Amino acid sequence: MQDKIGGARCLDLFAGSGALGLEAASRGADSVTMVENNPQASKQLQSHCQVLTATNCRVETKSAQQYLTSSSSQQQFDIVFIDPPYQSNVWSEIAEQLMTNTVLADNAYIYLECPCKGDLPVFPAQWQLLKDKKAGSVRYCLFSHNLGGTV
């Protein structure tokens, strides 16, 4: 996926430390929106962006759900990172909101992490599973969002 990041509009919905979003920014993403609901973590993300002179990054202090239903989410994204706290169990809900609010560009990529235990959450039919790997207790998947039929 590294070759897809250059020039992409990226959305990191559960930014936390900012590792995914800041890595995308360093790899040439056109823009990175990092959403983090914890005010202290959000402030730390803003500080990291300033220190790294990551002018292509923007931090939104709100929950992923609030962001996806707000006017802030009117932009469409080429790459979306979904790595929520595992106990929250919101993967299917977030996927549905991404579709309902038309946040995904056609042929967008969705990277998500979830626990290895259990079945993969239910995702929209428009999401094509491209990769499904496991490392320790983490399952990470890459999907393509395809409205037009072929990737």
Protein backbone atom coordinates (compact mmCIF):
# COMPACT_ATOMS: atom_id res chain seq x y z
CA MET A 1 0.00 0.00 0.00
CA GLN A 2 3.02 2.29 0.36
CA ASP A 3 2.82 3.18 -3.33
CA LYS A 4 -0.77 4.43 -2.85
CA ILE A 5 0.02 6.93 -0.09
CA GLY A 6 1.85 9.58 -2.15
CA GLY A 7 -0.66 12.33 -3.00
CA ALA A 8 -3.51 10.58 -1.15
CA ARG A 9 -6.07 12.17 1.17
CA CYS A 10 -5.87 10.08 4.36
CA LEU A 11 -8.17 9.76 7.35
CA ASP A 12 -7.01 8.20 10.63
CA LEU A 13 -10.23 7.72 12.60
CA PHE A 14 -8.78 6.51 15.91
CA ALA A 15 -5.47 8.35 15.78
CA GLY A 16 -4.20 7.59 19.30
CA SER A 17 -0.43 8.14 19.13
CA GLY A 18 -0.72 9.24 15.50
CA ALA A 19 1.57 6.48 14.24
CA LEU A 20 -0.53 5.62 11.17
CA GLY A 21 -1.39 9.19 10.22
CA LEU A 22 2.07 10.61 10.78
CA GLU A 23 3.61 7.75 8.82
CA ALA A 24 1.26 8.51 5.91
CA ALA A 25 2.24 12.18 6.11
CA SER A 26 5.93 11.29 6.03
CA ARG A 27 5.34 9.12 2.95
CA GLY A 28 3.91 12.00 0.93
CA ALA A 29 0.18 12.01 1.62
CA ASP A 30 -1.42 15.16 0.30
CA SER A 31 -3.43 15.55 3.49
CA VAL A 32 -3.95 13.60 6.71
CA THR A 33 -6.89 14.14 9.03
CA MET A 34 -6.35 12.53 12.43
CA VAL A 35 -9.42 12.08 14.61
CA GLU A 36 -8.89 11.53 18.33
CA ASN A 37 -11.55 11.90 21.02
CA ASN A 38 -9.18 12.09 24.00
CA PRO A 39 -8.36 15.81 24.46
CA GLN A 40 -4.95 15.11 26.00
CA ALA A 41 -3.94 12.73 23.19
CA SER A 42 -5.31 15.18 20.63
CA LYS A 43 -3.20 17.99 22.09
CA GLN A 44 -0.14 15.70 21.96
CA LEU A 45 -0.90 14.92 18.29
CA GLN A 46 -1.05 18.63 17.50
CA SER A 47 2.30 19.08 19.21
CA HIS A 48 3.83 16.21 17.20
CA CYS A 49 2.56 17.79 13.98
CA GLN A 50 4.18 21.09 14.90
CA VAL A 51 7.50 19.53 15.91
CA LEU A 52 7.58 17.44 12.70
CA THR A 53 6.43 20.42 10.61
CA ALA A 54 3.68 18.18 9.26
CA THR A 55 1.72 20.96 7.60
CA ASN A 56 -0.32 18.39 5.67
CA CYS A 57 -1.84 17.10 8.95
CA ARG A 58 -4.95 18.28 10.74
CA VAL A 59 -6.18 17.03 14.13
CA GLU A 60 -9.88 16.82 15.00
CA THR A 61 -10.73 16.44 18.69
CA LYS A 62 -13.91 14.36 18.56
CA SER A 63 -14.99 10.75 18.34
CA ALA A 64 -14.86 8.96 15.00
CA GLN A 65 -18.65 8.79 15.01
CA GLN A 66 -18.95 12.54 15.68
CA TYR A 67 -16.47 13.30 12.92
CA LEU A 68 -18.23 11.09 10.37
CA THR A 69 -21.59 12.74 11.00
CA SER A 70 -20.26 16.31 11.14
CA SER A 71 -19.84 18.83 8.37
CA SER A 72 -16.06 18.30 8.77
CA SER A 73 -16.40 14.96 7.00
CA GLN A 74 -17.64 16.41 3.69
CA GLN A 75 -14.27 15.61 2.10
CA GLN A 76 -13.74 12.22 0.48
CA PHE A 77 -10.67 10.20 1.38
CA ASP A 78 -8.45 7.86 -0.61
CA ILE A 79 -7.15 5.94 2.41
CA VAL A 80 -8.87 5.39 5.77
CA PHE A 81 -7.23 3.83 8.82
CA ILE A 82 -9.52 2.12 11.35
CA ASP A 83 -7.76 0.91 14.49
CA PRO A 84 -10.14 1.50 17.42
CA PRO A 85 -9.65 0.22 20.94
CA TYR A 86 -10.64 -3.44 20.63
CA GLN A 87 -13.11 -3.38 23.50
CA SER A 88 -15.18 -0.77 21.63
CA ASN A 89 -16.26 -3.27 18.94
CA VAL A 90 -17.25 -0.51 16.48
CA TRP A 91 -15.81 -1.81 13.20
CA SER A 92 -19.15 -2.52 11.49
CA GLU A 93 -20.70 0.72 12.80
CA ILE A 94 -17.80 2.80 11.50
CA ALA A 95 -17.90 1.00 8.13
CA GLU A 96 -21.60 1.78 7.81
CA GLN A 97 -21.02 5.45 8.69
CA LEU A 98 -18.23 5.69 6.12
CA MET A 99 -20.68 4.48 3.48
CA THR A 100 -23.71 6.48 4.66
CA ASN A 101 -21.78 9.74 4.81
CA THR A 102 -19.99 9.19 1.48
CA VAL A 103 -16.55 9.67 3.02
CA LEU A 104 -14.80 7.11 0.81
CA ALA A 105 -13.57 8.04 -2.65
CA ASP A 106 -14.15 5.41 -5.32
CA ASN A 107 -11.32 2.87 -5.18
CA ALA A 108 -10.37 4.07 -1.69
CA TYR A 109 -8.35 1.78 0.54
CA ILE A 110 -9.43 0.90 4.06
CA TYR A 111 -6.84 -0.47 6.48
CA LEU A 112 -8.14 -1.88 9.73
CA GLU A 113 -6.90 -3.74 12.74
CA CYS A 114 -9.03 -5.95 14.95
CA PRO A 115 -8.49 -8.87 17.34
CA CYS A 116 -7.68 -12.29 15.85
CA LYS A 117 -10.31 -13.93 18.03
CA GLY A 118 -13.66 -14.48 16.37
CA ASP A 119 -14.91 -13.78 12.88
CA LEU A 120 -14.15 -10.70 10.84
CA PRO A 121 -16.80 -8.03 11.48
CA VAL A 122 -19.47 -7.46 8.84
CA PHE A 123 -18.45 -4.92 6.22
CA PRO A 124 -20.30 -3.36 3.26
CA ALA A 125 -20.59 -5.37 0.05
CA GLN A 126 -18.68 -2.62 -1.79
CA TRP A 127 -15.58 -3.43 0.25
CA GLN A 128 -13.34 -5.99 -1.42
CA LEU A 129 -10.94 -7.78 0.91
CA LEU A 130 -7.43 -7.51 -0.58
CA LYS A 131 -5.28 -8.73 2.33
CA ASP A 132 -6.00 -10.50 5.59
CA LYS A 133 -3.02 -11.22 7.87
CA LYS A 134 -2.42 -12.03 11.51
CA ALA A 135 0.45 -11.12 13.83
CA GLY A 136 0.19 -12.30 17.41
CA SER A 137 -3.28 -11.37 18.66
CA VAL A 138 -3.82 -8.73 15.93
CA ARG A 139 -5.60 -9.23 12.63
CA TYR A 140 -4.98 -6.57 10.01
CA CYS A 141 -6.90 -6.26 6.78
CA LEU A 142 -6.80 -4.14 3.68
CA PHE A 143 -9.97 -3.48 1.72
CA SER A 144 -10.73 -1.59 -1.46
CA HIS A 145 -13.93 0.43 -1.72
CA ASN A 146 -15.23 0.02 -5.20
CA LEU A 147 -18.39 1.66 -6.48
CA GLY A 148 -17.57 1.08 -10.13
CA GLY A 149 -17.23 -2.71 -10.12
CA THR A 150 -13.51 -3.44 -10.67
CA VAL A 151 -10.38 -2.48 -8.81
